[in-house]
N, C-alpha and C. Protein backbone atom coordinates (compact mmCIF):
# COMPACT_ATOMS: atom_id res chain seq x y z
N UNK A 1 22.89 17.54 -9.96
CA UNK A 1 22.41 16.65 -10.90
C UNK A 1 22.65 15.23 -10.39
N UNK A 2 21.62 14.51 -10.50
CA UNK A 2 21.81 12.93 -10.22
C UNK A 2 22.79 12.39 -11.30
N UNK A 3 23.37 11.29 -10.81
CA UNK A 3 24.20 10.55 -11.66
C UNK A 3 24.09 9.08 -11.61
N UNK A 4 24.26 8.30 -12.78
CA UNK A 4 24.26 6.93 -12.71
C UNK A 4 25.16 6.21 -11.81
N UNK A 5 24.97 4.87 -11.68
CA UNK A 5 25.98 4.05 -10.85
C UNK A 5 27.25 4.15 -11.35
N UNK A 6 27.48 4.37 -12.68
CA UNK A 6 28.90 4.54 -13.18
C UNK A 6 29.49 5.82 -13.14
N UNK A 7 28.81 6.79 -12.49
CA UNK A 7 29.29 8.19 -12.47
C UNK A 7 28.86 9.12 -13.45
N UNK A 8 28.29 8.58 -14.68
CA UNK A 8 27.91 9.54 -15.64
C UNK A 8 26.55 10.23 -15.29
N UNK A 9 26.51 11.55 -15.65
CA UNK A 9 25.26 12.27 -15.45
C UNK A 9 24.11 11.68 -15.99
N UNK A 10 22.90 11.62 -15.37
CA UNK A 10 21.79 11.23 -15.83
C UNK A 10 21.16 12.26 -16.90
N UNK A 11 20.67 11.72 -18.08
CA UNK A 11 20.00 12.46 -18.89
C UNK A 11 18.62 12.76 -18.26
N UNK A 12 18.04 13.98 -18.95
CA UNK A 12 16.58 14.32 -18.35
C UNK A 12 15.62 13.26 -18.43
N UNK A 13 15.73 12.32 -19.58
CA UNK A 13 14.78 11.25 -19.65
C UNK A 13 14.94 10.20 -18.51
N UNK A 14 16.10 9.95 -18.11
CA UNK A 14 16.55 9.01 -16.99
C UNK A 14 16.09 9.60 -15.82
N UNK A 15 16.32 10.78 -15.53
CA UNK A 15 15.64 11.49 -14.44
C UNK A 15 14.16 11.29 -14.20
N UNK A 16 13.38 11.60 -15.45
CA UNK A 16 12.08 11.58 -15.35
C UNK A 16 11.59 10.12 -15.18
N UNK A 17 12.34 9.20 -15.78
CA UNK A 17 11.94 7.77 -15.62
C UNK A 17 11.93 7.24 -14.07
N UNK A 18 13.26 7.82 -13.47
CA UNK A 18 13.30 7.41 -12.03
C UNK A 18 12.16 7.98 -11.27
N UNK A 19 11.79 9.29 -11.57
CA UNK A 19 10.75 9.91 -10.90
C UNK A 19 9.39 9.17 -10.99
N UNK A 20 9.18 8.76 -12.26
CA UNK A 20 8.03 8.05 -12.50
C UNK A 20 7.99 6.63 -11.74
N UNK A 21 9.06 5.99 -11.69
CA UNK A 21 9.13 4.72 -10.97
C UNK A 21 8.94 5.04 -9.44
N UNK A 22 9.44 6.09 -8.88
CA UNK A 22 9.20 6.53 -7.54
C UNK A 22 7.72 6.74 -7.35
N UNK A 23 7.11 7.46 -8.22
CA UNK A 23 5.68 7.69 -8.11
C UNK A 23 4.84 6.34 -8.16
N UNK A 24 5.20 5.52 -8.97
CA UNK A 24 4.50 4.34 -9.15
C UNK A 24 4.70 3.49 -7.87
N UNK A 25 5.85 3.48 -7.33
CA UNK A 25 6.23 2.71 -6.02
C UNK A 25 5.38 3.17 -5.01
N UNK A 26 5.36 4.57 -4.82
CA UNK A 26 4.53 5.27 -3.85
C UNK A 26 3.00 4.96 -3.96
N UNK A 27 2.41 4.90 -5.21
CA UNK A 27 1.03 4.46 -5.30
C UNK A 27 0.84 3.03 -4.92
N UNK A 28 1.84 2.11 -5.22
CA UNK A 28 1.72 0.71 -5.00
C UNK A 28 1.76 0.50 -3.45
N UNK A 29 2.68 1.16 -2.79
CA UNK A 29 2.82 1.13 -1.39
C UNK A 29 1.45 1.66 -0.63
N UNK A 30 0.97 2.78 -1.17
CA UNK A 30 -0.17 3.27 -0.56
C UNK A 30 -1.49 2.28 -0.86
N UNK A 31 -1.51 1.75 -1.88
CA UNK A 31 -2.52 0.74 -2.34
C UNK A 31 -2.50 -0.50 -1.48
N UNK A 32 -1.16 -0.99 -1.28
CA UNK A 32 -1.07 -2.15 -0.36
C UNK A 32 -1.56 -1.78 1.11
N UNK A 33 -1.07 -0.50 1.50
CA UNK A 33 -1.54 -0.11 2.96
C UNK A 33 -3.06 -0.06 2.94
N UNK A 34 -3.60 0.52 1.94
CA UNK A 34 -5.03 0.66 1.92
C UNK A 34 -5.67 -0.68 2.04
N UNK A 35 -5.22 -1.55 1.27
CA UNK A 35 -5.79 -3.09 1.36
C UNK A 35 -5.64 -3.72 2.53
N UNK A 36 -4.56 -3.51 3.28
CA UNK A 36 -4.22 -4.01 4.63
C UNK A 36 -5.12 -3.38 5.58
N UNK A 37 -5.32 -2.00 5.67
CA UNK A 37 -6.23 -1.27 6.54
C UNK A 37 -7.70 -1.84 6.35
N UNK A 38 -8.17 -2.07 5.01
CA UNK A 38 -9.44 -2.43 4.86
C UNK A 38 -9.65 -3.98 5.37
N UNK A 39 -8.67 -4.73 5.09
CA UNK A 39 -8.80 -6.04 5.69
C UNK A 39 -8.83 -6.20 7.06
N UNK A 40 -8.02 -5.36 7.91
CA UNK A 40 -8.14 -5.32 9.32
C UNK A 40 -9.56 -4.81 9.73
N UNK A 41 -10.12 -3.74 9.25
CA UNK A 41 -11.40 -3.25 9.35
C UNK A 41 -12.47 -4.28 9.12
N UNK A 42 -12.41 -4.96 8.03
CA UNK A 42 -13.45 -6.06 7.71
C UNK A 42 -13.23 -7.09 8.68
N UNK A 43 -12.00 -7.59 9.18
CA UNK A 43 -11.85 -8.87 10.02
C UNK A 43 -12.43 -8.38 11.42
N UNK A 44 -12.38 -7.06 11.80
CA UNK A 44 -12.97 -6.62 13.12
C UNK A 44 -14.48 -6.59 12.99
N UNK A 45 -15.07 -6.26 11.85
CA UNK A 45 -16.36 -6.21 11.57
C UNK A 45 -17.03 -7.69 11.76
N UNK A 46 -16.33 -8.64 11.07
CA UNK A 46 -16.65 -10.01 11.13
C UNK A 46 -16.69 -10.66 12.61
N UNK A 47 -15.54 -10.42 13.33
CA UNK A 47 -15.54 -10.81 14.78
C UNK A 47 -16.58 -10.08 15.55
N UNK A 48 -17.03 -8.93 15.39
CA UNK A 48 -18.04 -8.35 16.20
C UNK A 48 -19.43 -9.02 15.68
N UNK A 49 -19.69 -9.29 14.54
CA UNK A 49 -20.85 -9.79 14.08
C UNK A 49 -20.95 -11.23 14.45
N UNK A 50 -19.83 -12.04 14.44
CA UNK A 50 -19.86 -13.37 14.96
C UNK A 50 -20.20 -13.35 16.51
N UNK A 51 -19.47 -12.50 17.26
CA UNK A 51 -19.82 -12.41 18.70
C UNK A 51 -21.29 -12.09 19.04
N UNK A 52 -21.98 -11.24 18.20
CA UNK A 52 -23.41 -10.85 18.34
C UNK A 52 -24.21 -12.14 18.02
N UNK A 53 -23.77 -12.87 17.07
CA UNK A 53 -24.62 -13.94 16.55
C UNK A 53 -24.47 -14.97 17.59
N UNK A 54 -23.32 -15.17 18.23
CA UNK A 54 -23.21 -16.27 19.23
C UNK A 54 -23.99 -15.94 20.38
N UNK A 55 -23.92 -14.67 20.88
CA UNK A 55 -24.76 -14.14 21.96
C UNK A 55 -26.11 -14.27 21.87
N UNK A 56 -26.67 -14.11 20.62
CA UNK A 56 -28.07 -14.23 20.31
C UNK A 56 -28.69 -15.70 20.44
N UNK A 57 -27.88 -16.75 20.09
CA UNK A 57 -28.33 -17.94 20.10
C UNK A 57 -27.78 -18.72 21.32
N UNK A 58 -26.96 -18.18 22.14
CA UNK A 58 -26.57 -18.83 23.35
C UNK A 58 -26.79 -18.10 24.59
N UNK A 59 -27.22 -16.84 24.45
CA UNK A 59 -27.58 -16.00 25.49
C UNK A 59 -28.85 -16.20 26.06
């Protein structure tokens, strides 16, 4: 059984709360990673489009 920092055993509610915090943290990290992945993907798309645009008018 998990225990608090002072050594007392955690109540079922405390255990549930810490599990909920872990779950929320996991969702937050996944959300941030998804955002970063999308940002990279869009950055690549913009760079490719800009290159094509420049080639069209300078080529």
